[in-house]
Amino acid sequence: MEMQNDFDRLLFFEHARKTAETTYAKDPLDAENLTRWGGALLELSQFQSVTESKKMISGIVLITSIVIPAKRFS
């Protein structure tokens, strides 16, 4: 049963990541979308190897560097 829950979480957050990427292409300064994208990457990083997880977390840091200035000046 645990594996099914993990698989469901993986699918859910992968869909959230793809949706956020599509939304980013339309509006790259949408702070809420960037926050969702970072959250999805953080959740997905739990399913990866240590190396891949570090890459995903680096992506979150990059997204955060976009979100903070976007929220500050909006």
PDB file of N, CA and C in Angstrom:
ATOM      1  N   MET A   1       0.818  -1.194   0.000  1.00  0.00           N
ATOM      2  CA  MET A   1       0.000   0.000   0.000  1.00  0.00           C
ATOM      3  C   MET A   1       0.866   1.264   0.000  1.00  0.00           C
ATOM      4  N   GLU A   2       1.978   1.219   0.734  1.00  0.00           N
ATOM      5  CA  GLU A   2       2.889   2.364   0.805  1.00  0.00           C
ATOM      6  C   GLU A   2       3.428   2.719  -0.579  1.00  0.00           C
ATOM      7  N   MET A   3       3.767   1.697  -1.373  1.00  0.00           N
ATOM      8  CA  MET A   3       4.298   1.951  -2.708  1.00  0.00           C
ATOM      9  C   MET A   3       3.274   2.653  -3.584  1.00  0.00           C
ATOM     10  N   GLN A   4       2.008   2.310  -3.443  1.00  0.00           N
ATOM     11  CA  GLN A   4       0.973   2.962  -4.238  1.00  0.00           C
ATOM     12  C   GLN A   4       0.860   4.434  -3.863  1.00  0.00           C
ATOM     13  N   ASN A   5       0.941   4.739  -2.566  1.00  0.00           N
ATOM     14  CA  ASN A   5       0.896   6.128  -2.121  1.00  0.00           C
ATOM     15  C   ASN A   5       2.083   6.906  -2.673  1.00  0.00           C
ATOM     16  N   ASP A   6       3.270   6.311  -2.643  1.00  0.00           N
ATOM     17  CA  ASP A   6       4.457   6.971  -3.190  1.00  0.00           C
ATOM     18  C   ASP A   6       4.308   7.204  -4.685  1.00  0.00           C
ATOM     19  N   PHE A   7       3.787   6.227  -5.389  1.00  0.00           N
ATOM     20  CA  PHE A   7       3.589   6.370  -6.827  1.00  0.00           C
ATOM     21  C   PHE A   7       2.570   7.467  -7.121  1.00  0.00           C
ATOM     22  N   ASP A   8       1.489   7.512  -6.355  1.00  0.00           N
ATOM     23  CA  ASP A   8       0.482   8.565  -6.529  1.00  0.00           C
ATOM     24  C   ASP A   8       1.083   9.946  -6.278  1.00  0.00           C
ATOM     25  N   ARG A   9       1.907  10.060  -5.233  1.00  0.00           N
ATOM     26  CA  ARG A   9       2.575  11.337  -4.939  1.00  0.00           C
ATOM     27  C   ARG A   9       3.512  11.722  -6.076  1.00  0.00           C
ATOM     28  N   LEU A  10       4.258  10.755  -6.583  1.00  0.00           N
ATOM     29  CA  LEU A  10       5.174  11.013  -7.687  1.00  0.00           C
ATOM     30  C   LEU A  10       4.412  11.546  -8.900  1.00  0.00           C
ATOM     31  N   LEU A  11       3.332  10.893  -9.257  1.00  0.00           N
ATOM     32  CA  LEU A  11       2.534  11.342 -10.400  1.00  0.00           C
ATOM     33  C   LEU A  11       1.948  12.731 -10.171  1.00  0.00           C
ATOM     34  N   PHE A  12       1.430  12.964  -8.973  1.00  0.00           N
ATOM     35  CA  PHE A  12       0.822  14.254  -8.655  1.00  0.00           C
ATOM     36  C   PHE A  12       1.837  15.392  -8.787  1.00  0.00           C
ATOM     37  N   PHE A  13       3.010  15.220  -8.181  1.00  0.00           N
ATOM     38  CA  PHE A  13       3.999  16.296  -8.206  1.00  0.00           C
ATOM     39  C   PHE A  13       4.683  16.432  -9.559  1.00  0.00           C
ATOM     40  N   GLU A  14       4.779  15.351 -10.308  1.00  0.00           N
ATOM     41  CA  GLU A  14       5.315  15.449 -11.672  1.00  0.00           C
ATOM     42  C   GLU A  14       4.351  16.258 -12.544  1.00  0.00           C
ATOM     43  N   HIS A  15       3.066  16.023 -12.374  1.00  0.00           N
ATOM     44  CA  HIS A  15       2.069  16.809 -13.105  1.00  0.00           C
ATOM     45  C   HIS A  15       2.137  18.286 -12.689  1.00  0.00           C
ATOM     46  N   ALA A  16       2.274  18.540 -11.389  1.00  0.00           N
ATOM     47  CA  ALA A  16       2.379  19.916 -10.892  1.00  0.00           C
ATOM     48  C   ALA A  16       3.615  20.601 -11.474  1.00  0.00           C
ATOM     49  N   ARG A  17       4.723  19.872 -11.558  1.00  0.00           N
ATOM     50  CA  ARG A  17       5.958  20.434 -12.128  1.00  0.00           C
ATOM     51  C   ARG A  17       5.783  20.804 -13.590  1.00  0.00           C
ATOM     52  N   LYS A  18       5.189  19.897 -14.359  1.00  0.00           N
ATOM     53  CA  LYS A  18       4.979  20.166 -15.784  1.00  0.00           C
ATOM     54  C   LYS A  18       4.026  21.333 -16.001  1.00  0.00           C
ATOM     55  N   THR A  19       2.984  21.396 -15.191  1.00  0.00           N
ATOM     56  CA  THR A  19       2.030  22.502 -15.291  1.00  0.00           C
ATOM     57  C   THR A  19       2.716  23.829 -14.975  1.00  0.00           C
ATOM     58  N   ALA A  20       3.548  23.833 -13.941  1.00  0.00           N
ATOM     59  CA  ALA A  20       4.263  25.054 -13.561  1.00  0.00           C
ATOM     60  C   ALA A  20       5.235  25.482 -14.657  1.00  0.00           C
ATOM     61  N   GLU A  21       5.895  24.534 -15.299  1.00  0.00           N
ATOM     62  CA  GLU A  21       6.809  24.872 -16.393  1.00  0.00           C
ATOM     63  C   GLU A  21       6.054  25.501 -17.560  1.00  0.00           C
ATOM     64  N   THR A  22       4.886  24.965 -17.868  1.00  0.00           N
ATOM     65  CA  THR A  22       4.068  25.520 -18.947  1.00  0.00           C
ATOM     66  C   THR A  22       3.606  26.928 -18.597  1.00  0.00           C
ATOM     67  N   THR A  23       3.181  27.122 -17.362  1.00  0.00           N
ATOM     68  CA  THR A  23       2.738  28.440 -16.910  1.00  0.00           C
ATOM     69  C   THR A  23       3.901  29.424 -16.915  1.00  0.00           C
ATOM     70  N   TYR A  24       5.090  28.960 -16.545  1.00  0.00           N
ATOM     71  CA  TYR A  24       6.275  29.808 -16.551  1.00  0.00           C
ATOM     72  C   TYR A  24       6.558  30.349 -17.951  1.00  0.00           C
ATOM     73  N   ALA A  25       6.359  29.524 -18.960  1.00  0.00           N
ATOM     74  CA  ALA A  25       6.598  29.971 -20.334  1.00  0.00           C
ATOM     75  C   ALA A  25       5.660  31.122 -20.710  1.00  0.00           C
ATOM     76  N   LYS A  26       4.466  31.139 -20.143  1.00  0.00           N
ATOM     77  CA  LYS A  26       3.489  32.194 -20.428  1.00  0.00           C
ATOM     78  C   LYS A  26       3.717  33.437 -19.572  1.00  0.00           C
ATOM     79  N   ASP A  27       4.115  33.245 -18.307  1.00  0.00           N
ATOM     80  CA  ASP A  27       4.285  34.363 -17.379  1.00  0.00           C
ATOM     81  C   ASP A  27       5.441  34.051 -16.427  1.00  0.00           C
ATOM     82  N   PRO A  28       6.668  34.389 -16.836  1.00  0.00           N
ATOM     83  CA  PRO A  28       7.827  34.005 -16.036  1.00  0.00           C
ATOM     84  C   PRO A  28       7.938  34.703 -14.676  1.00  0.00           C
ATOM     85  N   LEU A  29       7.191  35.755 -14.437  1.00  0.00           N
ATOM     86  CA  LEU A  29       7.277  36.456 -13.157  1.00  0.00           C
ATOM     87  C   LEU A  29       6.105  36.163 -12.224  1.00  0.00           C
ATOM     88  N   ASP A  30       5.314  35.150 -12.533  1.00  0.00           N
ATOM     89  CA  ASP A  30       4.197  34.761 -11.668  1.00  0.00           C
ATOM     90  C   ASP A  30       4.769  34.095 -10.418  1.00  0.00           C
ATOM     91  N   ALA A  31       4.812  34.857  -9.328  1.00  0.00           N
ATOM     92  CA  ALA A  31       5.451  34.388  -8.095  1.00  0.00           C
ATOM     93  C   ALA A  31       4.757  33.157  -7.516  1.00  0.00           C
ATOM     94  N   GLU A  32       3.439  33.114  -7.581  1.00  0.00           N
ATOM     95  CA  GLU A  32       2.722  31.941  -7.055  1.00  0.00           C
ATOM     96  C   GLU A  32       3.077  30.693  -7.842  1.00  0.00           C
ATOM     97  N   ASN A  33       3.162  30.822  -9.159  1.00  0.00           N
ATOM     98  CA  ASN A  33       3.521  29.669  -9.986  1.00  0.00           C
ATOM     99  C   ASN A  33       4.948  29.220  -9.694  1.00  0.00           C
ATOM    100  N   LEU A  34       5.858  30.169  -9.547  1.00  0.00           N
ATOM    101  CA  LEU A  34       7.242  29.811  -9.241  1.00  0.00           C
ATOM    102  C   LEU A  34       7.337  29.105  -7.895  1.00  0.00           C
ATOM    103  N   THR A  35       6.518  29.518  -6.949  1.00  0.00           N
ATOM    104  CA  THR A  35       6.491  28.858  -5.643  1.00  0.00           C
ATOM    105  C   THR A  35       5.972  27.428  -5.769  1.00  0.00           C
ATOM    106  N   ARG A  36       4.909  27.245  -6.572  1.00  0.00           N
ATOM    107  CA  ARG A  36       4.384  25.885  -6.805  1.00  0.00           C
ATOM    108  C   ARG A  36       5.431  25.016  -7.490  1.00  0.00           C
ATOM    109  N   TRP A  37       6.130  25.590  -8.453  1.00  0.00           N
ATOM    110  CA  TRP A  37       7.164  24.856  -9.182  1.00  0.00           C
ATOM    111  C   TRP A  37       8.265  24.409  -8.220  1.00  0.00           C
ATOM    112  N   GLY A  38       8.733  25.317  -7.377  1.00  0.00           N
ATOM    113  CA  GLY A  38       9.754  24.961  -6.392  1.00  0.00           C
ATOM    114  C   GLY A  38       9.280  23.892  -5.430  1.00  0.00           C
ATOM    115  N   GLY A  39       8.037  23.988  -4.994  1.00  0.00           N
ATOM    116  CA  GLY A  39       7.473  22.981  -4.093  1.00  0.00           C
ATOM    117  C   GLY A  39       7.394  21.614  -4.742  1.00  0.00           C
ATOM    118  N   ALA A  40       6.997  21.595  -6.010  1.00  0.00           N
ATOM    119  CA  ALA A  40       6.916  20.326  -6.736  1.00  0.00           C
ATOM    120  C   ALA A  40       8.313  19.713  -6.892  1.00  0.00           C
ATOM    121  N   LEU A  41       9.305  20.549  -7.212  1.00  0.00           N
ATOM    122  CA  LEU A  41      10.667  20.032  -7.337  1.00  0.00           C
ATOM    123  C   LEU A  41      11.180  19.484  -6.005  1.00  0.00           C
ATOM    124  N   LEU A  42      10.861  20.172  -4.925  1.00  0.00           N
ATOM    125  CA  LEU A  42      11.298  19.699  -3.612  1.00  0.00           C
ATOM    126  C   LEU A  42      10.685  18.337  -3.292  1.00  0.00           C
ATOM    127  N   GLU A  43       9.393  18.182  -3.568  1.00  0.00           N
ATOM    128  CA  GLU A  43       8.743  16.883  -3.340  1.00  0.00           C
ATOM    129  C   GLU A  43       9.331  15.802  -4.237  1.00  0.00           C
ATOM    130  N   LEU A  44       9.556  16.128  -5.503  1.00  0.00           N
ATOM    131  CA  LEU A  44      10.105  15.144  -6.435  1.00  0.00           C
ATOM    132  C   LEU A  44      11.539  14.760  -6.086  1.00  0.00           C
ATOM    133  N   SER A  45      12.267  15.671  -5.472  1.00  0.00           N
ATOM    134  CA  SER A  45      13.660  15.368  -5.127  1.00  0.00           C
ATOM    135  C   SER A  45      13.759  14.205  -4.148  1.00  0.00           C
ATOM    136  N   GLN A  46      12.705  13.957  -3.399  1.00  0.00           N
ATOM    137  CA  GLN A  46      12.709  12.853  -2.439  1.00  0.00           C
ATOM    138  C   GLN A  46      12.733  11.483  -3.119  1.00  0.00           C
ATOM    139  N   PHE A  47      12.369  11.435  -4.391  1.00  0.00           N
ATOM    140  CA  PHE A  47      12.314  10.176  -5.127  1.00  0.00           C
ATOM    141  C   PHE A  47      13.574   9.933  -5.953  1.00  0.00           C
ATOM    142  N   GLN A  48      14.556  10.825  -5.868  1.00  0.00           N
ATOM    143  CA  GLN A  48      15.742  10.760  -6.705  1.00  0.00           C
ATOM    144  C   GLN A  48      16.957  10.282  -5.910  1.00  0.00           C
ATOM    145  N   SER A  49      18.011   9.997  -6.644  1.00  0.00           N
ATOM    146  CA  SER A  49      19.292   9.692  -6.001  1.00  0.00           C
ATOM    147  C   SER A  49      19.819  10.979  -5.368  1.00  0.00           C
ATOM    148  N   VAL A  50      20.847  10.850  -4.558  1.00  0.00           N
ATOM    149  CA  VAL A  50      21.408  12.022  -3.877  1.00  0.00           C
ATOM    150  C   VAL A  50      21.884  13.060  -4.899  1.00  0.00           C
ATOM    151  N   THR A  51      22.559  12.622  -5.939  1.00  0.00           N
ATOM    152  CA  THR A  51      23.071  13.542  -6.959  1.00  0.00           C
ATOM    153  C   THR A  51      21.932  14.276  -7.668  1.00  0.00           C
ATOM    154  N   GLU A  52      20.931  13.540  -8.099  1.00  0.00           N
ATOM    155  CA  GLU A  52      19.792  14.153  -8.780  1.00  0.00           C
ATOM    156  C   GLU A  52      18.999  15.057  -7.832  1.00  0.00           C
ATOM    157  N   SER A  53      18.898  14.636  -6.592  1.00  0.00           N
ATOM    158  CA  SER A  53      18.193  15.439  -5.592  1.00  0.00           C
ATOM    159  C   SER A  53      18.889  16.788  -5.414  1.00  0.00           C
ATOM    160  N   LYS A  54      20.216  16.784  -5.364  1.00  0.00           N
ATOM    161  CA  LYS A  54      20.969  18.033  -5.228  1.00  0.00           C
ATOM    162  C   LYS A  54      20.741  18.944  -6.426  1.00  0.00           C
ATOM    163  N   LYS A  55      20.669  18.371  -7.625  1.00  0.00           N
ATOM    164  CA  LYS A  55      20.403  19.168  -8.824  1.00  0.00           C
ATOM    165  C   LYS A  55      19.029  19.815  -8.744  1.00  0.00           C
ATOM    166  N   MET A  56      18.038  19.056  -8.288  1.00  0.00           N
ATOM    167  CA  MET A  56      16.681  19.595  -8.184  1.00  0.00           C
ATOM    168  C   MET A  56      16.623  20.699  -7.136  1.00  0.00           C
ATOM    169  N   ILE A  57      17.315  20.504  -6.032  1.00  0.00           N
ATOM    170  CA  ILE A  57      17.315  21.522  -4.983  1.00  0.00           C
ATOM    171  C   ILE A  57      18.043  22.780  -5.475  1.00  0.00           C
ATOM    172  N   SER A  58      19.069  22.624  -6.288  1.00  0.00           N
ATOM    173  CA  SER A  58      19.726  23.786  -6.894  1.00  0.00           C
ATOM    174  C   SER A  58      18.752  24.548  -7.782  1.00  0.00           C
ATOM    175  N   GLY A  59      17.887  23.818  -8.473  1.00  0.00           N
ATOM    176  CA  GLY A  59      16.849  24.456  -9.278  1.00  0.00           C
ATOM    177  C   GLY A  59      15.885  25.252  -8.424  1.00  0.00           C
ATOM    178  N   ILE A  60      15.589  24.731  -7.234  1.00  0.00           N
ATOM    179  CA  ILE A  60      14.698  25.441  -6.318  1.00  0.00           C
ATOM    180  C   ILE A  60      15.348  26.749  -5.874  1.00  0.00           C
ATOM    181  N   VAL A  61      16.641  26.716  -5.606  1.00  0.00           N
ATOM    182  CA  VAL A  61      17.358  27.930  -5.205  1.00  0.00           C
ATOM    183  C   VAL A  61      17.284  28.960  -6.330  1.00  0.00           C
ATOM    184  N   LEU A  62      17.441  28.526  -7.562  1.00  0.00           N
ATOM    185  CA  LEU A  62      17.338  29.426  -8.708  1.00  0.00           C
ATOM    186  C   LEU A  62      15.934  30.017  -8.808  1.00  0.00           C
ATOM    187  N   ILE A  63      14.935  29.178  -8.661  1.00  0.00           N
ATOM    188  CA  ILE A  63      13.553  29.663  -8.716  1.00  0.00           C
ATOM    189  C   ILE A  63      13.297  30.670  -7.598  1.00  0.00           C
ATOM    190  N   THR A  64      13.807  30.383  -6.412  1.00  0.00           N
ATOM    191  CA  THR A  64      13.641  31.295  -5.280  1.00  0.00           C
ATOM    192  C   THR A  64      14.276  32.642  -5.573  1.00  0.00           C
ATOM    193  N   SER A  65      15.393  32.649  -6.268  1.00  0.00           N
ATOM    194  CA  SER A  65      16.048  33.918  -6.594  1.00  0.00           C
ATOM    195  C   SER A  65      15.205  34.740  -7.564  1.00  0.00           C
ATOM    196  N   ILE A  66      14.296  34.097  -8.264  1.00  0.00           N
ATOM    197  CA  ILE A  66      13.369  34.813  -9.145  1.00  0.00           C
ATOM    198  C   ILE A  66      12.139  35.256  -8.357  1.00  0.00           C
ATOM    199  N   VAL A  67      11.636  34.403  -7.476  1.00  0.00           N
ATOM    200  CA  VAL A  67      10.404  34.684  -6.734  1.00  0.00           C
ATOM    201  C   VAL A  67      10.572  35.874  -5.800  1.00  0.00           C
ATOM    202  N   ILE A  68      11.639  35.921  -5.045  1.00  0.00           N
ATOM    203  CA  ILE A  68      11.801  36.976  -4.046  1.00  0.00           C
ATOM    204  C   ILE A  68      11.788  38.361  -4.687  1.00  0.00           C
ATOM    205  N   PRO A  69      12.579  38.618  -5.740  1.00  0.00           N
ATOM    206  CA  PRO A  69      12.484  39.945  -6.365  1.00  0.00           C
ATOM    207  C   PRO A  69      11.121  40.200  -7.003  1.00  0.00           C
ATOM    208  N   ALA A  70      10.488  39.175  -7.549  1.00  0.00           N
ATOM    209  CA  ALA A  70       9.168  39.359  -8.173  1.00  0.00           C
ATOM    210  C   ALA A  70       8.144  39.789  -7.130  1.00  0.00           C
ATOM    211  N   LYS A  71       8.166  39.190  -5.947  1.00  0.00           N
ATOM    212  CA  LYS A  71       7.229  39.559  -4.882  1.00  0.00           C
ATOM    213  C   LYS A  71       7.568  40.931  -4.319  1.00  0.00           C
ATOM    214  N   ARG A  72       8.818  41.265  -4.232  1.00  0.00           N
ATOM    215  CA  ARG A  72       9.249  42.514  -3.659  1.00  0.00           C
ATOM    216  C   ARG A  72       8.789  43.717  -4.476  1.00  0.00           C
ATOM    217  N   PHE A  73       8.786  43.570  -5.797  1.00  0.00           N
ATOM    218  CA  PHE A  73       8.486  44.711  -6.664  1.00  0.00           C
ATOM    219  C   PHE A  73       7.093  44.675  -7.268  1.00  0.00           C
ATOM    220  N   SER A  74       6.253  43.758  -6.842  1.00  0.00           N
ATOM    221  CA  SER A  74       4.903  43.723  -7.412  1.00  0.00           C
ATOM    222  C   SER A  74       3.920  44.420  -6.520  1.00  0.00           C
TER     223      SER A  74
END
